[in-house]
């Protein structure tokens, strides 16, 4: 049995070391804006990030709450990086909010889930166009508004005997993780691989059907600039389950993306599939609803990036 697991993991390890990747799972951890690094009265401090708003164009299964109820319709939020001493010490914050497009929606713009991620990062420049990033993050995924009154009236059993599709107001997921990421950059190509572990994880699941508890995360990412205004990206995000063989993935999140850029704006067309690998064994954390759930979607996302140091440098140059 162990030999079979090793035979499975060896090609995966090689893929992680030599492949491409960036942590997505709906890309909840945003990316920093690129600064030109010019002189600034801010000294070693900088503030950058982006605001975004998106709509799910095709979504048969991707949920709008942590308990896998509802169907996500809109996504909006922000990402902020505060460089306290260049990129040697960075604090980051991400907010992701979702609304529900199902029949039980409380409203098209009413948030039914809000996710918060706080991070501490350091980025170490290396030779050969390489960077090593070390980070610790805390994430909490919280439910927002529940189903509307009409939905509750049609499903009275949910109040006394929750079943499939019933809103669980007390269900949330949270964790603390640490990871190391090695990035190689080129004017037209960016690649990175990351390996991380969940240091504290009472609730964050190892599969799309909310079974198991995540232990390790492997990420690979590739980005290619086809034209100055056109970019394609591909991401693979694996999770393992602490209750099973610790190195073998139990979930794969596959994301592909086409992005059109104009100045500080970016319009992204994203397709994602969150797929289970194997099934959770009987026992604790076994699936309650929709076992072996697969979540897929197509979405369009518009973002606007800001960079305080870059803005000040350009303003000074115009004087």
C-alpha atoms as a PDB file:
ATOM      1  CA  UNK A   1       0.000   0.000   0.000  1.00  0.00           C
ATOM      2  CA  UNK A   2       2.777   2.460   0.942  1.00  0.00           C
ATOM      3  CA  UNK A   3       4.673   1.651  -2.249  1.00  0.00           C
ATOM      4  CA  UNK A   4       1.565   2.486  -4.280  1.00  0.00           C
ATOM      5  CA  UNK A   5       1.235   5.830  -2.480  1.00  0.00           C
ATOM      6  CA  UNK A   6       4.909   6.596  -3.157  1.00  0.00           C
ATOM      7  CA  UNK A   7       4.487   5.720  -6.814  1.00  0.00           C
ATOM      8  CA  UNK A   8       1.613   8.182  -6.974  1.00  0.00           C
ATOM      9  CA  UNK A   9       3.399  10.964  -5.114  1.00  0.00           C
ATOM     10  CA  UNK A  10       6.731  10.917  -6.991  1.00  0.00           C
ATOM     11  CA  UNK A  11       5.377  12.257 -10.306  1.00  0.00           C
ATOM     12  CA  UNK A  12       3.274  14.762  -8.385  1.00  0.00           C
ATOM     13  CA  UNK A  13       6.349  16.013  -6.529  1.00  0.00           C
ATOM     14  CA  UNK A  14       8.208  16.437  -9.813  1.00  0.00           C
ATOM     15  CA  UNK A  15       5.246  18.341 -11.227  1.00  0.00           C
ATOM     16  CA  UNK A  16       5.284  20.675  -8.234  1.00  0.00           C
ATOM     17  CA  UNK A  17       9.016  21.281  -8.505  1.00  0.00           C
ATOM     18  CA  UNK A  18       9.129  21.869 -12.262  1.00  0.00           C
ATOM     19  CA  UNK A  19       5.582  22.903 -13.128  1.00  0.00           C
ATOM     20  CA  UNK A  20       3.708  26.195 -12.926  1.00  0.00           C
ATOM     21  CA  UNK A  21       1.293  27.545 -10.254  1.00  0.00           C
ATOM     22  CA  UNK A  22      -0.451  30.173  -8.063  1.00  0.00           C
ATOM     23  CA  UNK A  23      -2.882  29.589  -5.176  1.00  0.00           C
ATOM     24  CA  UNK A  24      -6.404  30.137  -6.326  1.00  0.00           C
ATOM     25  CA  UNK A  25      -9.343  28.097  -5.132  1.00  0.00           C
ATOM     26  CA  UNK A  26     -11.253  31.028  -6.550  1.00  0.00           C
ATOM     27  CA  UNK A  27      -8.152  33.181  -6.084  1.00  0.00           C
ATOM     28  CA  UNK A  28      -9.143  34.367  -2.619  1.00  0.00           C
ATOM     29  CA  UNK A  29      -5.617  35.606  -1.954  1.00  0.00           C
ATOM     30  CA  UNK A  30      -5.148  38.577  -4.259  1.00  0.00           C
ATOM     31  CA  UNK A  31      -1.980  39.707  -5.980  1.00  0.00           C
ATOM     32  CA  UNK A  32       0.117  42.769  -5.388  1.00  0.00           C
ATOM     33  CA  UNK A  33       0.189  45.578  -7.903  1.00  0.00           C
ATOM     34  CA  UNK A  34       3.525  45.891  -9.736  1.00  0.00           C
ATOM     35  CA  UNK A  35       5.463  49.003  -8.803  1.00  0.00           C
ATOM     36  CA  UNK A  36       8.192  50.489 -10.954  1.00  0.00           C
ATOM     37  CA  UNK A  37      10.325  50.807  -7.837  1.00  0.00           C
ATOM     38  CA  UNK A  38      11.065  54.465  -8.492  1.00  0.00           C
ATOM     39  CA  UNK A  39      12.000  56.998  -5.827  1.00  0.00           C
ATOM     40  CA  UNK A  40       9.208  57.927  -3.433  1.00  0.00           C
ATOM     41  CA  UNK A  41       8.776  60.114  -0.356  1.00  0.00           C
ATOM     42  CA  UNK A  42       7.301  57.000   1.262  1.00  0.00           C
ATOM     43  CA  UNK A  43      10.792  55.550   1.735  1.00  0.00           C
ATOM     44  CA  UNK A  44      10.611  51.824   2.403  1.00  0.00           C
ATOM     45  CA  UNK A  45       6.830  51.858   2.979  1.00  0.00           C
ATOM     46  CA  UNK A  46       4.255  51.238   0.264  1.00  0.00           C
ATOM     47  CA  UNK A  47       0.551  50.532  -0.025  1.00  0.00           C
ATOM     48  CA  UNK A  48      -0.865  48.641  -3.011  1.00  0.00           C
ATOM     49  CA  UNK A  49      -3.732  46.359  -3.933  1.00  0.00           C
ATOM     50  CA  UNK A  50      -6.896  46.144  -5.966  1.00  0.00           C
ATOM     51  CA  UNK A  51     -10.679  46.354  -5.860  1.00  0.00           C
ATOM     52  CA  UNK A  52     -12.744  43.855  -7.854  1.00  0.00           C
ATOM     53  CA  UNK A  53     -16.278  42.968  -8.874  1.00  0.00           C
ATOM     54  CA  UNK A  54     -17.356  39.884 -10.788  1.00  0.00           C
ATOM     55  CA  UNK A  55     -20.330  37.892 -12.026  1.00  0.00           C
ATOM     56  CA  UNK A  56     -20.689  34.129 -12.457  1.00  0.00           C
ATOM     57  CA  UNK A  57     -21.670  33.589 -16.104  1.00  0.00           C
ATOM     58  CA  UNK A  58     -22.204  29.822 -15.783  1.00  0.00           C
ATOM     59  CA  UNK A  59     -22.520  28.189 -12.382  1.00  0.00           C
ATOM     60  CA  UNK A  60     -24.413  24.932 -11.891  1.00  0.00           C
ATOM     61  CA  UNK A  61     -22.777  23.940  -8.583  1.00  0.00           C
ATOM     62  CA  UNK A  62     -20.421  26.535  -7.032  1.00  0.00           C
ATOM     63  CA  UNK A  63     -21.928  27.429  -3.655  1.00  0.00           C
ATOM     64  CA  UNK A  64     -22.503  30.912  -2.262  1.00  0.00           C
ATOM     65  CA  UNK A  65     -21.986  29.973   1.424  1.00  0.00           C
ATOM     66  CA  UNK A  66     -19.367  27.988   3.381  1.00  0.00           C
ATOM     67  CA  UNK A  67     -21.917  25.201   4.060  1.00  0.00           C
ATOM     68  CA  UNK A  68     -22.287  24.604   0.284  1.00  0.00           C
ATOM     69  CA  UNK A  69     -25.806  26.068   0.040  1.00  0.00           C
ATOM     70  CA  UNK A  70     -26.966  28.550  -2.581  1.00  0.00           C
ATOM     71  CA  UNK A  71     -25.444  29.216  -5.997  1.00  0.00           C
ATOM     72  CA  UNK A  72     -22.847  32.012  -6.238  1.00  0.00           C
ATOM     73  CA  UNK A  73     -23.972  34.881  -8.485  1.00  0.00           C
ATOM     74  CA  UNK A  74     -21.717  37.861  -7.697  1.00  0.00           C
ATOM     75  CA  UNK A  75     -18.280  38.223  -6.128  1.00  0.00           C
ATOM     76  CA  UNK A  76     -16.750  41.470  -4.875  1.00  0.00           C
ATOM     77  CA  UNK A  77     -14.034  42.540  -2.501  1.00  0.00           C
ATOM     78  CA  UNK A  78     -10.503  43.897  -2.207  1.00  0.00           C
ATOM     79  CA  UNK A  79      -6.859  43.006  -1.671  1.00  0.00           C
ATOM     80  CA  UNK A  80      -4.333  45.241   0.154  1.00  0.00           C
ATOM     81  CA  UNK A  81      -0.564  44.900   0.654  1.00  0.00           C
ATOM     82  CA  UNK A  82       1.181  47.131   3.186  1.00  0.00           C
ATOM     83  CA  UNK A  83       4.957  46.911   2.705  1.00  0.00           C
ATOM     84  CA  UNK A  84       6.359  47.986   6.063  1.00  0.00           C
ATOM     85  CA  UNK A  85       9.962  47.630   4.900  1.00  0.00           C
ATOM     86  CA  UNK A  86       9.987  47.089   1.147  1.00  0.00           C
ATOM     87  CA  UNK A  87       8.998  43.469   0.423  1.00  0.00           C
ATOM     88  CA  UNK A  88      11.052  42.153   3.335  1.00  0.00           C
ATOM     89  CA  UNK A  89       8.043  42.644   5.617  1.00  0.00           C
ATOM     90  CA  UNK A  90       4.518  42.841   4.199  1.00  0.00           C
ATOM     91  CA  UNK A  91       1.094  42.717   5.805  1.00  0.00           C
ATOM     92  CA  UNK A  92      -1.741  41.644   3.510  1.00  0.00           C
ATOM     93  CA  UNK A  93      -5.522  41.597   3.775  1.00  0.00           C
ATOM     94  CA  UNK A  94      -8.156  40.055   1.487  1.00  0.00           C
ATOM     95  CA  UNK A  95     -11.933  40.404   1.583  1.00  0.00           C
ATOM     96  CA  UNK A  96     -14.113  38.206  -0.633  1.00  0.00           C
ATOM     97  CA  UNK A  97     -17.902  38.502  -0.590  1.00  0.00           C
ATOM     98  CA  UNK A  98     -20.421  36.402  -2.523  1.00  0.00           C
ATOM     99  CA  UNK A  99     -24.126  36.745  -3.266  1.00  0.00           C
ATOM    100  CA  UNK A 100     -26.671  34.000  -3.945  1.00  0.00           C
ATOM    101  CA  UNK A 101     -28.355  33.518  -7.330  1.00  0.00           C
ATOM    102  CA  UNK A 102     -30.608  30.611  -6.333  1.00  0.00           C
ATOM    103  CA  UNK A 103     -34.366  30.676  -5.709  1.00  0.00           C
ATOM    104  CA  UNK A 104     -33.709  31.193  -1.998  1.00  0.00           C
ATOM    105  CA  UNK A 105     -31.578  34.306  -2.498  1.00  0.00           C
ATOM    106  CA  UNK A 106     -32.163  37.206  -0.070  1.00  0.00           C
ATOM    107  CA  UNK A 107     -31.240  39.605  -2.914  1.00  0.00           C
ATOM    108  CA  UNK A 108     -28.837  39.788  -5.875  1.00  0.00           C
ATOM    109  CA  UNK A 109     -26.354  42.076  -4.071  1.00  0.00           C
ATOM    110  CA  UNK A 110     -26.846  40.848  -0.492  1.00  0.00           C
ATOM    111  CA  UNK A 111     -23.700  39.062   0.769  1.00  0.00           C
ATOM    112  CA  UNK A 112     -24.308  35.421   1.707  1.00  0.00           C
ATOM    113  CA  UNK A 113     -20.638  34.725   2.486  1.00  0.00           C
ATOM    114  CA  UNK A 114     -17.721  36.909   3.523  1.00  0.00           C
ATOM    115  CA  UNK A 115     -14.154  35.571   3.694  1.00  0.00           C
ATOM    116  CA  UNK A 116     -11.282  37.379   5.416  1.00  0.00           C
ATOM    117  CA  UNK A 117      -7.571  36.561   5.034  1.00  0.00           C
ATOM    118  CA  UNK A 118      -4.788  38.263   7.007  1.00  0.00           C
ATOM    119  CA  UNK A 119      -1.179  37.505   6.108  1.00  0.00           C
ATOM    120  CA  UNK A 120       2.421  38.271   7.093  1.00  0.00           C
ATOM    121  CA  UNK A 121       4.939  37.767   4.267  1.00  0.00           C
ATOM    122  CA  UNK A 122       8.592  38.220   3.467  1.00  0.00           C
ATOM    123  CA  UNK A 123      10.032  38.031  -0.060  1.00  0.00           C
ATOM    124  CA  UNK A 124      13.721  37.225  -0.493  1.00  0.00           C
ATOM    125  CA  UNK A 125      15.340  38.001  -3.888  1.00  0.00           C
ATOM    126  CA  UNK A 126      17.517  35.209  -5.283  1.00  0.00           C
ATOM    127  CA  UNK A 127      19.798  34.909  -8.336  1.00  0.00           C
ATOM    128  CA  UNK A 128      18.557  33.729 -11.746  1.00  0.00           C
ATOM    129  CA  UNK A 129      15.337  35.820 -11.628  1.00  0.00           C
ATOM    130  CA  UNK A 130      14.086  33.871  -8.608  1.00  0.00           C
ATOM    131  CA  UNK A 131      12.267  35.028  -5.464  1.00  0.00           C
ATOM    132  CA  UNK A 132      11.470  33.053  -2.314  1.00  0.00           C
ATOM    133  CA  UNK A 133       8.349  34.089  -0.408  1.00  0.00           C
ATOM    134  CA  UNK A 134       7.619  32.851   3.118  1.00  0.00           C
ATOM    135  CA  UNK A 135       4.166  33.563   4.533  1.00  0.00           C
ATOM    136  CA  UNK A 136       1.729  32.866   7.345  1.00  0.00           C
ATOM    137  CA  UNK A 137      -2.023  33.418   6.825  1.00  0.00           C
ATOM    138  CA  UNK A 138      -5.158  33.303   8.908  1.00  0.00           C
ATOM    139  CA  UNK A 139      -8.415  32.795   7.004  1.00  0.00           C
ATOM    140  CA  UNK A 140     -12.015  32.687   8.166  1.00  0.00           C
ATOM    141  CA  UNK A 141     -14.956  31.962   5.834  1.00  0.00           C
ATOM    142  CA  UNK A 142     -18.189  33.170   7.429  1.00  0.00           C
ATOM    143  CA  UNK A 143     -21.843  32.838   6.349  1.00  0.00           C
ATOM    144  CA  UNK A 144     -23.754  36.011   5.562  1.00  0.00           C
ATOM    145  CA  UNK A 145     -27.500  36.285   5.041  1.00  0.00           C
ATOM    146  CA  UNK A 146     -29.559  33.095   4.968  1.00  0.00           C
ATOM    147  CA  UNK A 147     -32.295  32.117   2.475  1.00  0.00           C
ATOM    148  CA  UNK A 148     -35.305  34.380   2.019  1.00  0.00           C
ATOM    149  CA  UNK A 149     -38.628  33.957   3.826  1.00  0.00           C
ATOM    150  CA  UNK A 150     -40.298  32.312   0.830  1.00  0.00           C
ATOM    151  CA  UNK A 151     -37.604  29.604   0.733  1.00  0.00           C
ATOM    152  CA  UNK A 152     -37.942  28.969   4.479  1.00  0.00           C
ATOM    153  CA  UNK A 153     -41.717  28.669   4.133  1.00  0.00           C
ATOM    154  CA  UNK A 154     -41.320  26.072   1.367  1.00  0.00           C
ATOM    155  CA  UNK A 155     -38.817  24.073   3.464  1.00  0.00           C
ATOM    156  CA  UNK A 156     -40.220  23.945   7.023  1.00  0.00           C
ATOM    157  CA  UNK A 157     -38.245  20.754   7.759  1.00  0.00           C
ATOM    158  CA  UNK A 158     -35.002  22.746   7.626  1.00  0.00           C
ATOM    159  CA  UNK A 159     -35.946  24.394  10.928  1.00  0.00           C
ATOM    160  CA  UNK A 160     -36.147  21.100  12.838  1.00  0.00           C
ATOM    161  CA  UNK A 161     -34.358  18.492  10.708  1.00  0.00           C
ATOM    162  CA  UNK A 162     -31.682  20.031   8.421  1.00  0.00           C
ATOM    163  CA  UNK A 163     -31.148  18.219   5.148  1.00  0.00           C
ATOM    164  CA  UNK A 164     -29.605  18.761   1.742  1.00  0.00           C
ATOM    165  CA  UNK A 165     -29.902  22.405   0.697  1.00  0.00           C
ATOM    166  CA  UNK A 166     -30.716  23.659   4.198  1.00  0.00           C
ATOM    167  CA  UNK A 167     -28.827  26.733   5.411  1.00  0.00           C
ATOM    168  CA  UNK A 168     -26.599  26.125   8.457  1.00  0.00           C
ATOM    169  CA  UNK A 169     -26.195  29.529  10.118  1.00  0.00           C
ATOM    170  CA  UNK A 170     -23.464  28.228  12.404  1.00  0.00           C
ATOM    171  CA  UNK A 171     -21.227  26.670   9.750  1.00  0.00           C
ATOM    172  CA  UNK A 172     -17.903  28.414   9.056  1.00  0.00           C
ATOM    173  CA  UNK A 173     -14.357  27.409   8.139  1.00  0.00           C
ATOM    174  CA  UNK A 174     -11.071  28.812   9.420  1.00  0.00           C
ATOM    175  CA  UNK A 175      -7.378  27.962   9.566  1.00  0.00           C
ATOM    176  CA  UNK A 176      -3.808  29.208  10.043  1.00  0.00           C
ATOM    177  CA  UNK A 177      -1.319  28.104   7.395  1.00  0.00           C
ATOM    178  CA  UNK A 178       2.316  28.673   6.431  1.00  0.00           C
ATOM    179  CA  UNK A 179       3.884  28.219   3.014  1.00  0.00           C
ATOM    180  CA  UNK A 180       7.036  28.678   0.974  1.00  0.00           C
ATOM    181  CA  UNK A 181       6.782  29.831  -2.652  1.00  0.00           C
ATOM    182  CA  UNK A 182       9.548  29.898  -5.267  1.00  0.00           C
ATOM    183  CA  UNK A 183       8.881  32.292  -8.166  1.00  0.00           C
ATOM    184  CA  UNK A 184      10.707  32.704 -11.474  1.00  0.00           C
ATOM    185  CA  UNK A 185       9.907  35.816 -13.478  1.00  0.00           C
ATOM    186  CA  UNK A 186      10.634  36.878 -17.039  1.00  0.00           C
ATOM    187  CA  UNK A 187       9.253  39.854 -19.001  1.00  0.00           C
ATOM    188  CA  UNK A 188       6.667  37.560 -20.624  1.00  0.00           C
ATOM    189  CA  UNK A 189       6.568  34.471 -18.386  1.00  0.00           C
ATOM    190  CA  UNK A 190       5.997  33.963 -14.666  1.00  0.00           C
ATOM    191  CA  UNK A 191       6.136  30.574 -12.952  1.00  0.00           C
ATOM    192  CA  UNK A 192       5.926  29.537  -9.348  1.00  0.00           C
ATOM    193  CA  UNK A 193       5.524  26.512  -7.111  1.00  0.00           C
ATOM    194  CA  UNK A 194       4.452  26.555  -3.472  1.00  0.00           C
ATOM    195  CA  UNK A 195       4.151  24.037  -0.650  1.00  0.00           C
ATOM    196  CA  UNK A 196       2.232  24.861   2.510  1.00  0.00           C
ATOM    197  CA  UNK A 197       0.847  23.267   5.646  1.00  0.00           C
ATOM    198  CA  UNK A 198      -2.116  23.995   7.898  1.00  0.00           C
ATOM    199  CA  UNK A 199      -0.674  24.823  11.329  1.00  0.00           C
ATOM    200  CA  UNK A 200      -4.119  25.139  12.942  1.00  0.00           C
ATOM    201  CA  UNK A 201      -7.204  23.752  11.246  1.00  0.00           C
ATOM    202  CA  UNK A 202     -10.337  22.908  13.237  1.00  0.00           C
ATOM    203  CA  UNK A 203     -12.773  23.107  10.299  1.00  0.00           C
ATOM    204  CA  UNK A 204     -11.218  23.766   6.857  1.00  0.00           C
ATOM    205  CA  UNK A 205     -12.209  20.849   4.618  1.00  0.00           C
ATOM    206  CA  UNK A 206      -9.977  18.708   2.421  1.00  0.00           C
ATOM    207  CA  UNK A 207     -12.582  18.183  -0.349  1.00  0.00           C
ATOM    208  CA  UNK A 208     -15.255  20.215  -2.165  1.00  0.00           C
ATOM    209  CA  UNK A 209     -18.032  18.340  -0.294  1.00  0.00           C
ATOM    210  CA  UNK A 210     -16.652  19.715   3.025  1.00  0.00           C
ATOM    211  CA  UNK A 211     -15.257  16.360   4.183  1.00  0.00           C
ATOM    212  CA  UNK A 212     -11.940  15.731   5.885  1.00  0.00           C
ATOM    213  CA  UNK A 213      -9.570  18.315   7.334  1.00  0.00           C
ATOM    214  CA  UNK A 214      -6.912  19.856   5.088  1.00  0.00           C
ATOM    215  CA  UNK A 215      -3.291  19.199   6.073  1.00  0.00           C
ATOM    216  CA  UNK A 216      -1.022  20.173   3.149  1.00  0.00           C
ATOM    217  CA  UNK A 217      -1.451  22.355   0.072  1.00  0.00           C
ATOM    218  CA  UNK A 218       0.550  22.154  -3.170  1.00  0.00           C
ATOM    219  CA  UNK A 219       0.255  24.958  -5.696  1.00  0.00           C
ATOM    220  CA  UNK A 220       1.637  25.404  -9.200  1.00  0.00           C
ATOM    221  CA  UNK A 221       1.061  28.396 -11.480  1.00  0.00           C
ATOM    222  CA  UNK A 222       1.988  29.629 -14.926  1.00  0.00           C
ATOM    223  CA  UNK A 223       1.384  33.009 -16.556  1.00  0.00           C
ATOM    224  CA  UNK A 224       2.163  33.995 -20.155  1.00  0.00           C
ATOM    225  CA  UNK A 225       1.921  37.512 -21.608  1.00  0.00           C
ATOM    226  CA  UNK A 226       0.763  37.002 -25.195  1.00  0.00           C
ATOM    227  CA  UNK A 227       0.469  40.739 -25.902  1.00  0.00           C
ATOM    228  CA  UNK A 228       1.061  43.812 -23.719  1.00  0.00           C
ATOM    229  CA  UNK A 229      -2.673  43.802 -23.007  1.00  0.00           C
ATOM    230  CA  UNK A 230      -3.431  40.047 -23.107  1.00  0.00           C
ATOM    231  CA  UNK A 231      -2.426  37.444 -20.481  1.00  0.00           C
ATOM    232  CA  UNK A 232      -3.265  33.759 -19.985  1.00  0.00           C
ATOM    233  CA  UNK A 233      -2.895  31.937 -16.658  1.00  0.00           C
ATOM    234  CA  UNK A 234      -3.185  28.363 -15.420  1.00  0.00           C
ATOM    235  CA  UNK A 235      -3.348  27.176 -11.794  1.00  0.00           C
ATOM    236  CA  UNK A 236      -3.380  23.838 -10.003  1.00  0.00           C
ATOM    237  CA  UNK A 237      -4.160  23.768  -6.290  1.00  0.00           C
ATOM    238  CA  UNK A 238      -4.006  20.448  -4.375  1.00  0.00           C
ATOM    239  CA  UNK A 239      -5.074  19.650  -0.800  1.00  0.00           C
ATOM    240  CA  UNK A 240      -4.346  16.591   1.338  1.00  0.00           C
ATOM    241  CA  UNK A 241      -6.381  15.162   4.238  1.00  0.00           C
ATOM    242  CA  UNK A 242      -4.770  14.795   7.666  1.00  0.00           C
ATOM    243  CA  UNK A 243      -6.883  11.681   8.385  1.00  0.00           C
ATOM    244  CA  UNK A 244      -5.474   9.813   5.372  1.00  0.00           C
ATOM    245  CA  UNK A 245      -2.053   9.345   3.763  1.00  0.00           C
ATOM    246  CA  UNK A 246      -0.684  12.855   4.443  1.00  0.00           C
ATOM    247  CA  UNK A 247       1.048  13.404   1.080  1.00  0.00           C
ATOM    248  CA  UNK A 248      -1.651  12.142  -1.300  1.00  0.00           C
ATOM    249  CA  UNK A 249      -3.998  14.853  -2.645  1.00  0.00           C
ATOM    250  CA  UNK A 250      -7.710  14.567  -1.913  1.00  0.00           C
ATOM    251  CA  UNK A 251      -8.803  17.671  -3.874  1.00  0.00           C
ATOM    252  CA  UNK A 252      -7.676  19.383  -7.080  1.00  0.00           C
ATOM    253  CA  UNK A 253      -8.761  22.935  -7.950  1.00  0.00           C
ATOM    254  CA  UNK A 254      -8.002  23.637 -11.615  1.00  0.00           C
ATOM    255  CA  UNK A 255      -8.291  27.237 -12.827  1.00  0.00           C
ATOM    256  CA  UNK A 256      -7.661  28.723 -16.273  1.00  0.00           C
ATOM    257  CA  UNK A 257      -7.897  32.399 -17.084  1.00  0.00           C
ATOM    258  CA  UNK A 258      -7.696  34.935 -19.900  1.00  0.00           C
ATOM    259  CA  UNK A 259      -7.103  38.556 -18.865  1.00  0.00           C
ATOM    260  CA  UNK A 260      -7.345  41.781 -20.861  1.00  0.00           C
ATOM    261  CA  UNK A 261      -5.434  44.739 -19.390  1.00  0.00           C
ATOM    262  CA  UNK A 262      -5.813  48.498 -19.824  1.00  0.00           C
ATOM    263  CA  UNK A 263      -3.787  50.780 -17.575  1.00  0.00           C
ATOM    264  CA  UNK A 264      -4.805  49.893 -14.003  1.00  0.00           C
ATOM    265  CA  UNK A 265      -7.833  47.845 -15.062  1.00  0.00           C
ATOM    266  CA  UNK A 266      -8.021  44.144 -15.829  1.00  0.00           C
ATOM    267  CA  UNK A 267     -10.967  42.153 -17.205  1.00  0.00           C
ATOM    268  CA  UNK A 268     -10.555  38.456 -16.449  1.00  0.00           C
ATOM    269  CA  UNK A 269     -12.523  35.502 -17.794  1.00  0.00           C
ATOM    270  CA  UNK A 270     -12.084  32.624 -15.353  1.00  0.00           C
ATOM    271  CA  UNK A 271     -13.045  28.959 -15.449  1.00  0.00           C
ATOM    272  CA  UNK A 272     -12.578  26.759 -12.394  1.00  0.00           C
ATOM    273  CA  UNK A 273     -13.297  23.149 -11.439  1.00  0.00           C
ATOM    274  CA  UNK A 274     -12.895  21.957  -7.825  1.00  0.00           C
ATOM    275  CA  UNK A 275     -12.686  18.164  -7.990  1.00  0.00           C
ATOM    276  CA  UNK A 276     -12.447  15.471  -5.298  1.00  0.00           C
ATOM    277  CA  UNK A 277      -9.720  12.851  -5.583  1.00  0.00           C
ATOM    278  CA  UNK A 278     -11.060   9.668  -4.048  1.00  0.00           C
ATOM    279  CA  UNK A 279     -13.787   9.544  -1.399  1.00  0.00           C
ATOM    280  CA  UNK A 280     -13.757  10.209   2.322  1.00  0.00           C
ATOM    281  CA  UNK A 281     -13.776   7.001   4.406  1.00  0.00           C
ATOM    282  CA  UNK A 282     -16.582   6.363   6.915  1.00  0.00           C
ATOM    283  CA  UNK A 283     -16.174   7.984  10.299  1.00  0.00           C
ATOM    284  CA  UNK A 284     -15.697  11.561  11.570  1.00  0.00           C
ATOM    285  CA  UNK A 285     -16.043  14.354   8.993  1.00  0.00           C
ATOM    286  CA  UNK A 286     -17.920  12.030   6.615  1.00  0.00           C
ATOM    287  CA  UNK A 287     -20.116  13.843   4.066  1.00  0.00           C
ATOM    288  CA  UNK A 288     -23.509  14.954   5.312  1.00  0.00           C
ATOM    289  CA  UNK A 289     -24.856  16.407   2.052  1.00  0.00           C
ATOM    290  CA  UNK A 290     -23.839  15.917  -1.595  1.00  0.00           C
ATOM    291  CA  UNK A 291     -20.947  13.442  -1.177  1.00  0.00           C
ATOM    292  CA  UNK A 292     -18.246  13.662  -3.874  1.00  0.00           C
ATOM    293  CA  UNK A 293     -19.512  17.116  -4.856  1.00  0.00           C
ATOM    294  CA  UNK A 294     -17.786  18.733  -7.848  1.00  0.00           C
ATOM    295  CA  UNK A 295     -17.965  22.525  -8.098  1.00  0.00           C
ATOM    296  CA  UNK A 296     -17.470  24.292 -11.452  1.00  0.00           C
ATOM    297  CA  UNK A 297     -18.081  27.773 -12.825  1.00  0.00           C
ATOM    298  CA  UNK A 298     -17.262  30.353 -15.486  1.00  0.00           C
ATOM    299  CA  UNK A 299     -16.963  33.963 -14.337  1.00  0.00           C
ATOM    300  CA  UNK A 300     -15.994  37.459 -15.485  1.00  0.00           C
ATOM    301  CA  UNK A 301     -14.095  39.676 -13.050  1.00  0.00           C
ATOM    302  CA  UNK A 302     -13.189  43.362 -13.387  1.00  0.00           C
ATOM    303  CA  UNK A 303     -10.438  44.705 -11.126  1.00  0.00           C
ATOM    304  CA  UNK A 304      -8.744  48.061 -10.597  1.00  0.00           C
ATOM    305  CA  UNK A 305      -5.205  48.089  -9.161  1.00  0.00           C
ATOM    306  CA  UNK A 306      -3.568  50.856  -7.157  1.00  0.00           C
ATOM    307  CA  UNK A 307       0.009  51.413  -6.035  1.00  0.00           C
ATOM    308  CA  UNK A 308       0.795  54.433  -3.867  1.00  0.00           C
ATOM    309  CA  UNK A 309       4.549  54.480  -4.521  1.00  0.00           C
ATOM    310  CA  UNK A 310       4.070  54.191  -8.279  1.00  0.00           C
ATOM    311  CA  UNK A 311       1.420  56.937  -8.253  1.00  0.00           C
ATOM    312  CA  UNK A 312       3.682  59.325  -6.305  1.00  0.00           C
ATOM    313  CA  UNK A 313       6.662  58.615  -8.592  1.00  0.00           C
ATOM    314  CA  UNK A 314       4.608  59.359 -11.725  1.00  0.00           C
ATOM    315  CA  UNK A 315       3.174  62.498 -10.153  1.00  0.00           C
ATOM    316  CA  UNK A 316       6.675  63.738  -9.322  1.00  0.00           C
ATOM    317  CA  UNK A 317       7.875  63.023 -12.885  1.00  0.00           C
ATOM    318  CA  UNK A 318       5.082  65.152 -14.354  1.00  0.00           C
ATOM    319  CA  UNK A 319       6.127  68.213 -12.382  1.00  0.00           C
END
